[in-house]
Amino acid sequence: MAKPEFHIFLCGQRRPEGHPRGSCGAKGSEALYNAFAQVLIKHNLNNRIALTTTGCIGPCQAGANVLIYPGSIMYSWVEPEDAARIVEQHLLGGEPYADKLTPAEIW
């Protein structure tokens, strides 16, 4: 893959059940990864946009979290049905998806 135009970092952190911080892994990050992967395939974007599962990237209370570079744009409380909107509106259209932007007070 050539240098990607965008890089989607999706938190896949897993912590034991009952951990006080919770984890994005327990909040559906695997299904979310699959949703993003399908959207990238649908739009033939695998050579332009990288998708990577990471460890913890921040506000665990707001997971599942997705961080987009360049721009350092964080999305929180992301669910699989949000993947298409984030890719189409933000990465292809240039406008962040306001409904899922992480609030400034936590990011």
PDB file of N, CA and C in Angstrom:
ATOM      1  N   MET A   1       0.847  -1.181   0.000  1.00  0.00           N
ATOM      2  CA  MET A   1       0.000   0.000   0.000  1.00  0.00           C
ATOM      3  C   MET A   1       0.886   1.235   0.000  1.00  0.00           C
ATOM      4  N   ALA A   2       0.571   2.175  -0.856  1.00  0.00           N
ATOM      5  CA  ALA A   2       1.238   3.472  -0.846  1.00  0.00           C
ATOM      6  C   ALA A   2       0.805   4.232   0.403  1.00  0.00           C
ATOM      7  N   LYS A   3       1.447   5.353   0.656  1.00  0.00           N
ATOM      8  CA  LYS A   3       1.071   6.169   1.811  1.00  0.00           C
ATOM      9  C   LYS A   3      -0.420   6.490   1.730  1.00  0.00           C
ATOM     10  N   PRO A   4      -1.188   6.138   2.779  1.00  0.00           N
ATOM     11  CA  PRO A   4      -2.636   6.371   2.721  1.00  0.00           C
ATOM     12  C   PRO A   4      -2.991   7.847   2.858  1.00  0.00           C
ATOM     13  N   GLU A   5      -4.096   8.225   2.245  1.00  0.00           N
ATOM     14  CA  GLU A   5      -4.614   9.586   2.400  1.00  0.00           C
ATOM     15  C   GLU A   5      -5.167   9.791   3.802  1.00  0.00           C
ATOM     16  N   PHE A   6      -5.768   8.748   4.341  1.00  0.00           N
ATOM     17  CA  PHE A   6      -6.333   8.773   5.692  1.00  0.00           C
ATOM     18  C   PHE A   6      -5.966   7.475   6.388  1.00  0.00           C
ATOM     19  N   HIS A   7      -5.929   7.564   7.709  1.00  0.00           N
ATOM     20  CA  HIS A   7      -5.705   6.368   8.516  1.00  0.00           C
ATOM     21  C   HIS A   7      -6.768   6.346   9.601  1.00  0.00           C
ATOM     22  N   ILE A   8      -7.537   5.280   9.624  1.00  0.00           N
ATOM     23  CA  ILE A   8      -8.576   5.080  10.638  1.00  0.00           C
ATOM     24  C   ILE A   8      -7.988   4.175  11.715  1.00  0.00           C
ATOM     25  N   PHE A   9      -7.880   4.708  12.928  1.00  0.00           N
ATOM     26  CA  PHE A   9      -7.439   3.915  14.075  1.00  0.00           C
ATOM     27  C   PHE A   9      -8.668   3.599  14.907  1.00  0.00           C
ATOM     28  N   LEU A  10      -8.950   2.336  15.046  1.00  0.00           N
ATOM     29  CA  LEU A  10     -10.136   1.881  15.755  1.00  0.00           C
ATOM     30  C   LEU A  10      -9.698   1.179  17.036  1.00  0.00           C
ATOM     31  N   CYS A  11     -10.135   1.684  18.170  1.00  0.00           N
ATOM     32  CA  CYS A  11      -9.743   1.085  19.444  1.00  0.00           C
ATOM     33  C   CYS A  11     -10.330  -0.319  19.569  1.00  0.00           C
ATOM     34  N   GLY A  12      -9.462  -1.265  19.865  1.00  0.00           N
ATOM     35  CA  GLY A  12      -9.899  -2.636  20.083  1.00  0.00           C
ATOM     36  C   GLY A  12      -9.504  -3.142  21.462  1.00  0.00           C
ATOM     37  N   GLN A  13      -9.175  -2.198  22.346  1.00  0.00           N
ATOM     38  CA  GLN A  13      -8.729  -2.551  23.698  1.00  0.00           C
ATOM     39  C   GLN A  13      -9.732  -3.460  24.394  1.00  0.00           C
ATOM     40  N   ARG A  14      -9.210  -4.509  25.028  1.00  0.00           N
ATOM     41  CA  ARG A  14     -10.065  -5.422  25.795  1.00  0.00           C
ATOM     42  C   ARG A  14      -9.555  -5.440  27.222  1.00  0.00           C
ATOM     43  N   ARG A  15     -10.475  -5.261  28.136  1.00  0.00           N
ATOM     44  CA  ARG A  15     -10.163  -5.346  29.560  1.00  0.00           C
ATOM     45  C   ARG A  15     -11.111  -6.354  30.188  1.00  0.00           C
ATOM     46  N   PRO A  16     -10.750  -6.864  31.363  1.00  0.00           N
ATOM     47  CA  PRO A  16     -11.636  -7.819  32.023  1.00  0.00           C
ATOM     48  C   PRO A  16     -12.998  -7.201  32.324  1.00  0.00           C
ATOM     49  N   GLU A  17     -14.016  -8.025  32.259  1.00  0.00           N
ATOM     50  CA  GLU A  17     -15.365  -7.575  32.606  1.00  0.00           C
ATOM     51  C   GLU A  17     -15.346  -6.986  34.011  1.00  0.00           C
ATOM     52  N   GLY A  18     -15.999  -5.856  34.179  1.00  0.00           N
ATOM     53  CA  GLY A  18     -16.054  -5.190  35.472  1.00  0.00           C
ATOM     54  C   GLY A  18     -14.938  -4.191  35.697  1.00  0.00           C
ATOM     55  N   HIS A  19     -13.991  -4.086  34.767  1.00  0.00           N
ATOM     56  CA  HIS A  19     -12.913  -3.105  34.901  1.00  0.00           C
ATOM     57  C   HIS A  19     -13.528  -1.713  34.948  1.00  0.00           C
ATOM     58  N   PRO A  20     -13.051  -0.837  35.841  1.00  0.00           N
ATOM     59  CA  PRO A  20     -13.686   0.477  36.001  1.00  0.00           C
ATOM     60  C   PRO A  20     -13.660   1.360  34.756  1.00  0.00           C
ATOM     61  N   ARG A  21     -12.699   1.170  33.864  1.00  0.00           N
ATOM     62  CA  ARG A  21     -12.638   1.999  32.657  1.00  0.00           C
ATOM     63  C   ARG A  21     -13.430   1.410  31.496  1.00  0.00           C
ATOM     64  N   GLY A  22     -13.822   0.162  31.618  1.00  0.00           N
ATOM     65  CA  GLY A  22     -14.497  -0.477  30.494  1.00  0.00           C
ATOM     66  C   GLY A  22     -13.526  -0.662  29.343  1.00  0.00           C
ATOM     67  N   SER A  23     -14.038  -0.970  28.169  1.00  0.00           N
ATOM     68  CA  SER A  23     -13.169  -1.108  27.001  1.00  0.00           C
ATOM     69  C   SER A  23     -13.990  -1.067  25.726  1.00  0.00           C
ATOM     70  N   CYS A  24     -13.345  -0.578  24.675  1.00  0.00           N
ATOM     71  CA  CYS A  24     -14.011  -0.541  23.373  1.00  0.00           C
ATOM     72  C   CYS A  24     -14.265  -1.951  22.852  1.00  0.00           C
ATOM     73  N   GLY A  25     -13.389  -2.889  23.217  1.00  0.00           N
ATOM     74  CA  GLY A  25     -13.594  -4.274  22.805  1.00  0.00           C
ATOM     75  C   GLY A  25     -14.910  -4.830  23.304  1.00  0.00           C
ATOM     76  N   ALA A  26     -15.287  -4.435  24.501  1.00  0.00           N
ATOM     77  CA  ALA A  26     -16.561  -4.885  25.074  1.00  0.00           C
ATOM     78  C   ALA A  26     -17.743  -4.101  24.527  1.00  0.00           C
ATOM     79  N   LYS A  27     -17.450  -3.018  23.801  1.00  0.00           N
ATOM     80  CA  LYS A  27     -18.511  -2.168  23.252  1.00  0.00           C
ATOM     81  C   LYS A  27     -18.657  -2.340  21.746  1.00  0.00           C
ATOM     82  N   GLY A  28     -18.221  -3.479  21.232  1.00  0.00           N
ATOM     83  CA  GLY A  28     -18.499  -3.810  19.840  1.00  0.00           C
ATOM     84  C   GLY A  28     -17.456  -3.421  18.824  1.00  0.00           C
ATOM     85  N   SER A  29     -16.202  -3.265  19.236  1.00  0.00           N
ATOM     86  CA  SER A  29     -15.192  -2.811  18.279  1.00  0.00           C
ATOM     87  C   SER A  29     -14.927  -3.819  17.156  1.00  0.00           C
ATOM     88  N   GLU A  30     -15.113  -5.105  17.408  1.00  0.00           N
ATOM     89  CA  GLU A  30     -14.886  -6.092  16.350  1.00  0.00           C
ATOM     90  C   GLU A  30     -15.915  -5.937  15.231  1.00  0.00           C
ATOM     91  N   ALA A  31     -17.177  -5.787  15.590  1.00  0.00           N
ATOM     92  CA  ALA A  31     -18.223  -5.562  14.580  1.00  0.00           C
ATOM     93  C   ALA A  31     -18.003  -4.227  13.878  1.00  0.00           C
ATOM     94  N   LEU A  32     -17.515  -3.248  14.621  1.00  0.00           N
ATOM     95  CA  LEU A  32     -17.242  -1.934  14.037  1.00  0.00           C
ATOM     96  C   LEU A  32     -16.117  -2.024  13.010  1.00  0.00           C
ATOM     97  N   TYR A  33     -15.065  -2.763  13.334  1.00  0.00           N
ATOM     98  CA  TYR A  33     -13.975  -2.970  12.384  1.00  0.00           C
ATOM     99  C   TYR A  33     -14.510  -3.591  11.093  1.00  0.00           C
ATOM    100  N   ASN A  34     -15.321  -4.617  11.233  1.00  0.00           N
ATOM    101  CA  ASN A  34     -15.887  -5.282  10.055  1.00  0.00           C
ATOM    102  C   ASN A  34     -16.746  -4.334   9.232  1.00  0.00           C
ATOM    103  N   ALA A  35     -17.489  -3.462   9.893  1.00  0.00           N
ATOM    104  CA  ALA A  35     -18.327  -2.496   9.173  1.00  0.00           C
ATOM    105  C   ALA A  35     -17.462  -1.522   8.379  1.00  0.00           C
ATOM    106  N   PHE A  36     -16.406  -0.991   9.004  1.00  0.00           N
ATOM    107  CA  PHE A  36     -15.502  -0.089   8.275  1.00  0.00           C
ATOM    108  C   PHE A  36     -14.847  -0.817   7.108  1.00  0.00           C
ATOM    109  N   ALA A  37     -14.400  -2.043   7.331  1.00  0.00           N
ATOM    110  CA  ALA A  37     -13.754  -2.805   6.264  1.00  0.00           C
ATOM    111  C   ALA A  37     -14.689  -2.986   5.075  1.00  0.00           C
ATOM    112  N   GLN A  38     -15.952  -3.280   5.330  1.00  0.00           N
ATOM    113  CA  GLN A  38     -16.922  -3.464   4.248  1.00  0.00           C
ATOM    114  C   GLN A  38     -17.179  -2.166   3.486  1.00  0.00           C
ATOM    115  N   VAL A  39     -17.225  -1.048   4.197  1.00  0.00           N
ATOM    116  CA  VAL A  39     -17.430   0.245   3.531  1.00  0.00           C
ATOM    117  C   VAL A  39     -16.229   0.568   2.644  1.00  0.00           C
ATOM    118  N   LEU A  40     -15.026   0.319   3.128  1.00  0.00           N
ATOM    119  CA  LEU A  40     -13.832   0.581   2.317  1.00  0.00           C
ATOM    120  C   LEU A  40     -13.817  -0.298   1.072  1.00  0.00           C
ATOM    121  N   ILE A  41     -14.210  -1.556   1.211  1.00  0.00           N
ATOM    122  CA  ILE A  41     -14.288  -2.450   0.052  1.00  0.00           C
ATOM    123  C   ILE A  41     -15.350  -1.954  -0.930  1.00  0.00           C
ATOM    124  N   LYS A  42     -16.516  -1.599  -0.413  1.00  0.00           N
ATOM    125  CA  LYS A  42     -17.621  -1.131  -1.263  1.00  0.00           C
ATOM    126  C   LYS A  42     -17.204   0.047  -2.137  1.00  0.00           C
ATOM    127  N   HIS A  43     -16.428   0.967  -1.564  1.00  0.00           N
ATOM    128  CA  HIS A  43     -16.013   2.174  -2.287  1.00  0.00           C
ATOM    129  C   HIS A  43     -14.628   2.036  -2.928  1.00  0.00           C
ATOM    130  N   ASN A  44     -14.070   0.816  -2.900  1.00  0.00           N
ATOM    131  CA  ASN A  44     -12.752   0.560  -3.482  1.00  0.00           C
ATOM    132  C   ASN A  44     -11.696   1.520  -2.921  1.00  0.00           C
ATOM    133  N   LEU A  45     -11.653   1.626  -1.597  1.00  0.00           N
ATOM    134  CA  LEU A  45     -10.766   2.578  -0.927  1.00  0.00           C
ATOM    135  C   LEU A  45      -9.606   1.918  -0.192  1.00  0.00           C
ATOM    136  N   ASN A  46      -9.442   0.624  -0.319  1.00  0.00           N
ATOM    137  CA  ASN A  46      -8.401  -0.060   0.445  1.00  0.00           C
ATOM    138  C   ASN A  46      -6.992   0.425   0.131  1.00  0.00           C
ATOM    139  N   ASN A  47      -6.766   1.008  -1.030  1.00  0.00           N
ATOM    140  CA  ASN A  47      -5.450   1.543  -1.370  1.00  0.00           C
ATOM    141  C   ASN A  47      -5.300   3.013  -1.011  1.00  0.00           C
ATOM    142  N   ARG A  48      -6.371   3.638  -0.532  1.00  0.00           N
ATOM    143  CA  ARG A  48      -6.311   5.060  -0.172  1.00  0.00           C
ATOM    144  C   ARG A  48      -6.487   5.311   1.315  1.00  0.00           C
ATOM    145  N   ILE A  49      -7.153   4.383   2.009  1.00  0.00           N
ATOM    146  CA  ILE A  49      -7.469   4.570   3.424  1.00  0.00           C
ATOM    147  C   ILE A  49      -7.038   3.326   4.189  1.00  0.00           C
ATOM    148  N   ALA A  50      -6.197   3.529   5.206  1.00  0.00           N
ATOM    149  CA  ALA A  50      -5.749   2.421   6.052  1.00  0.00           C
ATOM    150  C   ALA A  50      -6.693   2.269   7.234  1.00  0.00           C
ATOM    151  N   LEU A  51      -6.910   1.039   7.655  1.00  0.00           N
ATOM    152  CA  LEU A  51      -7.762   0.716   8.800  1.00  0.00           C
ATOM    153  C   LEU A  51      -6.952  -0.155   9.743  1.00  0.00           C
ATOM    154  N   THR A  52      -6.773   0.327  10.975  1.00  0.00           N
ATOM    155  CA  THR A  52      -5.934  -0.374  11.943  1.00  0.00           C
ATOM    156  C   THR A  52      -6.623  -0.450  13.291  1.00  0.00           C
ATOM    157  N   THR A  53      -6.651  -1.638  13.874  1.00  0.00           N
ATOM    158  CA  THR A  53      -7.117  -1.797  15.249  1.00  0.00           C
ATOM    159  C   THR A  53      -5.954  -1.462  16.174  1.00  0.00           C
ATOM    160  N   THR A  54      -6.234  -0.696  17.220  1.00  0.00           N
ATOM    161  CA  THR A  54      -5.203  -0.272  18.164  1.00  0.00           C
ATOM    162  C   THR A  54      -5.572  -0.695  19.581  1.00  0.00           C
ATOM    163  N   GLY A  55      -4.677  -0.407  20.495  1.00  0.00           N
ATOM    164  CA  GLY A  55      -4.992  -0.473  21.914  1.00  0.00           C
ATOM    165  C   GLY A  55      -5.732   0.805  22.278  1.00  0.00           C
ATOM    166  N   CYS A  56      -5.796   1.088  23.552  1.00  0.00           N
ATOM    167  CA  CYS A  56      -6.559   2.230  24.056  1.00  0.00           C
ATOM    168  C   CYS A  56      -6.094   3.539  23.420  1.00  0.00           C
ATOM    169  N   ILE A  57      -7.043   4.347  22.969  1.00  0.00           N
ATOM    170  CA  ILE A  57      -6.720   5.654  22.390  1.00  0.00           C
ATOM    171  C   ILE A  57      -7.362   6.805  23.151  1.00  0.00           C
ATOM    172  N   GLY A  58      -7.920   6.537  24.303  1.00  0.00           N
ATOM    173  CA  GLY A  58      -8.402   7.672  25.079  1.00  0.00           C
ATOM    174  C   GLY A  58      -9.634   7.453  25.903  1.00  0.00           C
ATOM    175  N   PRO A  59     -10.695   8.149  25.554  1.00  0.00           N
ATOM    176  CA  PRO A  59     -11.866   8.238  26.435  1.00  0.00           C
ATOM    177  C   PRO A  59     -12.686   6.948  26.486  1.00  0.00           C
ATOM    178  N   CYS A  60     -12.253   6.030  27.344  1.00  0.00           N
ATOM    179  CA  CYS A  60     -12.883   4.705  27.435  1.00  0.00           C
ATOM    180  C   CYS A  60     -14.380   4.783  27.723  1.00  0.00           C
ATOM    181  N   GLN A  61     -14.777   5.781  28.498  1.00  0.00           N
ATOM    182  CA  GLN A  61     -16.191   5.912  28.852  1.00  0.00           C
ATOM    183  C   GLN A  61     -17.057   6.211  27.632  1.00  0.00           C
ATOM    184  N   ALA A  62     -16.437   6.630  26.537  1.00  0.00           N
ATOM    185  CA  ALA A  62     -17.178   7.031  25.348  1.00  0.00           C
ATOM    186  C   ALA A  62     -17.013   6.047  24.195  1.00  0.00           C
ATOM    187  N   GLY A  63     -16.484   4.859  24.456  1.00  0.00           N
ATOM    188  CA  GLY A  63     -16.224   3.905  23.388  1.00  0.00           C
ATOM    189  C   GLY A  63     -17.496   3.353  22.767  1.00  0.00           C
ATOM    190  N   ALA A  64     -17.364   2.837  21.612  1.00  0.00           N
ATOM    191  CA  ALA A  64     -16.156   2.547  20.863  1.00  0.00           C
ATOM    192  C   ALA A  64     -15.650   3.829  20.191  1.00  0.00           C
ATOM    193  N   ASN A  65     -14.313   3.990  20.224  1.00  0.00           N
ATOM    194  CA  ASN A  65     -13.679   5.198  19.710  1.00  0.00           C
ATOM    195  C   ASN A  65     -12.937   4.933  18.416  1.00  0.00           C
ATOM    196  N   VAL A  66     -12.957   5.946  17.543  1.00  0.00           N
ATOM    197  CA  VAL A  66     -12.285   5.894  16.252  1.00  0.00           C
ATOM    198  C   VAL A  66     -11.526   7.206  16.098  1.00  0.00           C
ATOM    199  N   LEU A  67     -10.253   7.116  15.725  1.00  0.00           N
ATOM    200  CA  LEU A  67      -9.415   8.296  15.544  1.00  0.00           C
ATOM    201  C   LEU A  67      -8.956   8.345  14.096  1.00  0.00           C
ATOM    202  N   ILE A  68      -9.157   9.487  13.452  1.00  0.00           N
ATOM    203  CA  ILE A  68      -8.836   9.652  12.034  1.00  0.00           C
ATOM    204  C   ILE A  68      -7.651  10.603  11.886  1.00  0.00           C
ATOM    205  N   TYR A  69      -6.663  10.168  11.099  1.00  0.00           N
ATOM    206  CA  TYR A  69      -5.547  11.030  10.724  1.00  0.00           C
ATOM    207  C   TYR A  69      -5.495  11.106   9.219  1.00  0.00           C
ATOM    208  N   PRO A  70      -5.060  12.230   8.631  1.00  0.00           N
ATOM    209  CA  PRO A  70      -4.649  13.443   9.330  1.00  0.00           C
ATOM    210  C   PRO A  70      -5.850  14.180   9.909  1.00  0.00           C
ATOM    211  N   GLY A  71      -5.566  15.083  10.797  1.00  0.00           N
ATOM    212  CA  GLY A  71      -6.598  15.916  11.392  1.00  0.00           C
ATOM    213  C   GLY A  71      -6.867  15.613  12.842  1.00  0.00           C
ATOM    214  N   SER A  72      -6.474  14.428  13.304  1.00  0.00           N
ATOM    215  CA  SER A  72      -6.695  14.049  14.701  1.00  0.00           C
ATOM    216  C   SER A  72      -8.157  14.221  15.104  1.00  0.00           C
ATOM    217  N   ILE A  73      -9.052  13.689  14.277  1.00  0.00           N
ATOM    218  CA  ILE A  73     -10.494  13.766  14.537  1.00  0.00           C
ATOM    219  C   ILE A  73     -10.924  12.490  15.249  1.00  0.00           C
ATOM    220  N   MET A  74     -11.517  12.669  16.426  1.00  0.00           N
ATOM    221  CA  MET A  74     -11.958  11.519  17.231  1.00  0.00           C
ATOM    222  C   MET A  74     -13.476  11.422  17.186  1.00  0.00           C
ATOM    223  N   TYR A  75     -13.938  10.206  16.950  1.00  0.00           N
ATOM    224  CA  TYR A  75     -15.363   9.889  17.025  1.00  0.00           C
ATOM    225  C   TYR A  75     -15.574   8.940  18.196  1.00  0.00           C
ATOM    226  N   SER A  76     -16.682   9.122  18.908  1.00  0.00           N
ATOM    227  CA  SER A  76     -16.987   8.277  20.068  1.00  0.00           C
ATOM    228  C   SER A  76     -18.410   7.751  19.996  1.00  0.00           C
ATOM    229  N   TRP A  77     -18.664   6.742  20.819  1.00  0.00           N
ATOM    230  CA  TRP A  77     -19.954   6.048  20.831  1.00  0.00           C
ATOM    231  C   TRP A  77     -20.299   5.566  19.417  1.00  0.00           C
ATOM    232  N   VAL A  78     -19.261   5.154  18.673  1.00  0.00           N
ATOM    233  CA  VAL A  78     -19.436   4.748  17.278  1.00  0.00           C
ATOM    234  C   VAL A  78     -19.980   3.324  17.232  1.00  0.00           C
ATOM    235  N   GLU A  79     -20.964   3.135  16.376  1.00  0.00           N
ATOM    236  CA  GLU A  79     -21.585   1.832  16.161  1.00  0.00           C
ATOM    237  C   GLU A  79     -21.407   1.443  14.696  1.00  0.00           C
ATOM    238  N   PRO A  80     -21.550   0.169  14.371  1.00  0.00           N
ATOM    239  CA  PRO A  80     -21.325  -0.258  12.990  1.00  0.00           C
ATOM    240  C   PRO A  80     -22.096   0.551  11.947  1.00  0.00           C
ATOM    241  N   GLU A  81     -23.311   0.947  12.263  1.00  0.00           N
ATOM    242  CA  GLU A  81     -24.088   1.712  11.277  1.00  0.00           C
ATOM    243  C   GLU A  81     -23.525   3.108  11.019  1.00  0.00           C
ATOM    244  N   ASP A  82     -22.581   3.575  11.834  1.00  0.00           N
ATOM    245  CA  ASP A  82     -21.950   4.883  11.634  1.00  0.00           C
ATOM    246  C   ASP A  82     -20.774   4.826  10.664  1.00  0.00           C
ATOM    247  N   ALA A  83     -20.260   3.654  10.381  1.00  0.00           N
ATOM    248  CA  ALA A  83     -19.053   3.526   9.565  1.00  0.00           C
ATOM    249  C   ALA A  83     -19.229   4.156   8.186  1.00  0.00           C
ATOM    250  N   ALA A  84     -20.318   3.868   7.513  1.00  0.00           N
ATOM    251  CA  ALA A  84     -20.536   4.422   6.171  1.00  0.00           C
ATOM    252  C   ALA A  84     -20.607   5.937   6.213  1.00  0.00           C
ATOM    253  N   ARG A  85     -21.287   6.482   7.197  1.00  0.00           N
ATOM    254  CA  ARG A  85     -21.419   7.939   7.298  1.00  0.00           C
ATOM    255  C   ARG A  85     -20.058   8.592   7.532  1.00  0.00           C
ATOM    256  N   ILE A  86     -19.240   8.001   8.383  1.00  0.00           N
ATOM    257  CA  ILE A  86     -17.915   8.569   8.653  1.00  0.00           C
ATOM    258  C   ILE A  86     -17.056   8.532   7.392  1.00  0.00           C
ATOM    259  N   VAL A  87     -17.049   7.411   6.699  1.00  0.00           N
ATOM    260  CA  VAL A  87     -16.240   7.307   5.482  1.00  0.00           C
ATOM    261  C   VAL A  87     -16.777   8.231   4.394  1.00  0.00           C
ATOM    262  N   GLU A  88     -18.061   8.165   4.126  1.00  0.00           N
ATOM    263  CA  GLU A  88     -18.631   8.923   3.012  1.00  0.00           C
ATOM    264  C   GLU A  88     -18.658  10.421   3.281  1.00  0.00           C
ATOM    265  N   GLN A  89     -19.085  10.823   4.465  1.00  0.00           N
ATOM    266  CA  GLN A  89     -19.222  12.251   4.761  1.00  0.00           C
ATOM    267  C   GLN A  89     -17.879  12.896   5.098  1.00  0.00           C
ATOM    268  N   HIS A  90     -17.080  12.239   5.926  1.00  0.00           N
ATOM    269  CA  HIS A  90     -15.821  12.835   6.368  1.00  0.00           C
ATOM    270  C   HIS A  90     -14.685  12.565   5.386  1.00  0.00           C
ATOM    271  N   LEU A  91     -14.370  11.300   5.164  1.00  0.00           N
ATOM    272  CA  LEU A  91     -13.190  10.978   4.379  1.00  0.00           C
ATOM    273  C   LEU A  91     -13.358  11.257   2.893  1.00  0.00           C
ATOM    274  N   LEU A  92     -14.534  11.026   2.354  1.00  0.00           N
ATOM    275  CA  LEU A  92     -14.775  11.318   0.938  1.00  0.00           C
ATOM    276  C   LEU A  92     -15.333  12.716   0.715  1.00  0.00           C
ATOM    277  N   GLY A  93     -16.175  13.188   1.642  1.00  0.00           N
ATOM    278  CA  GLY A  93     -16.835  14.477   1.466  1.00  0.00           C
ATOM    279  C   GLY A  93     -16.167  15.660   2.131  1.00  0.00           C
ATOM    280  N   GLY A  94     -15.229  15.398   3.045  1.00  0.00           N
ATOM    281  CA  GLY A  94     -14.500  16.491   3.673  1.00  0.00           C
ATOM    282  C   GLY A  94     -15.159  17.143   4.872  1.00  0.00           C
ATOM    283  N   GLU A  95     -16.322  16.644   5.295  1.00  0.00           N
ATOM    284  CA  GLU A  95     -17.043  17.215   6.436  1.00  0.00           C
ATOM    285  C   GLU A  95     -17.146  16.182   7.546  1.00  0.00           C
ATOM    286  N   PRO A  96     -16.554  16.459   8.705  1.00  0.00           N
ATOM    287  CA  PRO A  96     -16.685  15.502   9.810  1.00  0.00           C
ATOM    288  C   PRO A  96     -18.147  15.210  10.131  1.00  0.00           C
ATOM    289  N   TYR A  97     -18.379  14.001  10.575  1.00  0.00           N
ATOM    290  CA  TYR A  97     -19.723  13.536  10.937  1.00  0.00           C
ATOM    291  C   TYR A  97     -20.018  14.022  12.351  1.00  0.00           C
ATOM    292  N   ALA A  98     -20.701  15.149  12.452  1.00  0.00           N
ATOM    293  CA  ALA A  98     -20.885  15.859  13.720  1.00  0.00           C
ATOM    294  C   ALA A  98     -21.594  15.035  14.787  1.00  0.00           C
ATOM    295  N   ASP A  99     -22.496  14.148  14.401  1.00  0.00           N
ATOM    296  CA  ASP A  99     -23.272  13.383  15.385  1.00  0.00           C
ATOM    297  C   ASP A  99     -22.409  12.518  16.297  1.00  0.00           C
ATOM    298  N   LYS A 100     -21.231  12.136  15.850  1.00  0.00           N
ATOM    299  CA  LYS A 100     -20.389  11.226  16.632  1.00  0.00           C
ATOM    300  C   LYS A 100     -19.035  11.826  17.014  1.00  0.00           C
ATOM    301  N   LEU A 101     -18.829  13.123  16.759  1.00  0.00           N
ATOM    302  CA  LEU A 101     -17.571  13.742  17.170  1.00  0.00           C
ATOM    303  C   LEU A 101     -17.440  13.680  18.687  1.00  0.00           C
ATOM    304  N   THR A 102     -16.258  13.369  19.158  1.00  0.00           N
ATOM    305  CA  THR A 102     -16.017  13.303  20.596  1.00  0.00           C
ATOM    306  C   THR A 102     -16.097  14.706  21.178  1.00  0.00           C
ATOM    307  N   PRO A 103     -16.863  14.896  22.246  1.00  0.00           N
ATOM    308  CA  PRO A 103     -16.978  16.222  22.857  1.00  0.00           C
ATOM    309  C   PRO A 103     -15.618  16.751  23.321  1.00  0.00           C
ATOM    310  N   ALA A 104     -15.422  18.057  23.179  1.00  0.00           N
ATOM    311  CA  ALA A 104     -14.153  18.692  23.533  1.00  0.00           C
ATOM    312  C   ALA A 104     -13.763  18.449  24.985  1.00  0.00           C
ATOM    313  N   GLU A 105     -14.727  18.326  25.865  1.00  0.00           N
ATOM    314  CA  GLU A 105     -14.386  18.151  27.280  1.00  0.00           C
ATOM    315  C   GLU A 105     -13.764  16.788  27.595  1.00  0.00           C
ATOM    316  N   ILE A 106     -13.867  15.834  26.665  1.00  0.00           N
ATOM    317  CA  ILE A 106     -13.210  14.548  26.919  1.00  0.00           C
ATOM    318  C   ILE A 106     -12.122  14.223  25.898  1.00  0.00           C
ATOM    319  N   TRP A 107     -11.941  15.072  24.868  1.00  0.00           N
ATOM    320  CA  TRP A 107     -10.851  14.858  23.892  1.00  0.00           C
ATOM    321  C   TRP A 107     -10.298  16.178  23.445  1.00  0.00           C
TER     322      TRP A 107
END
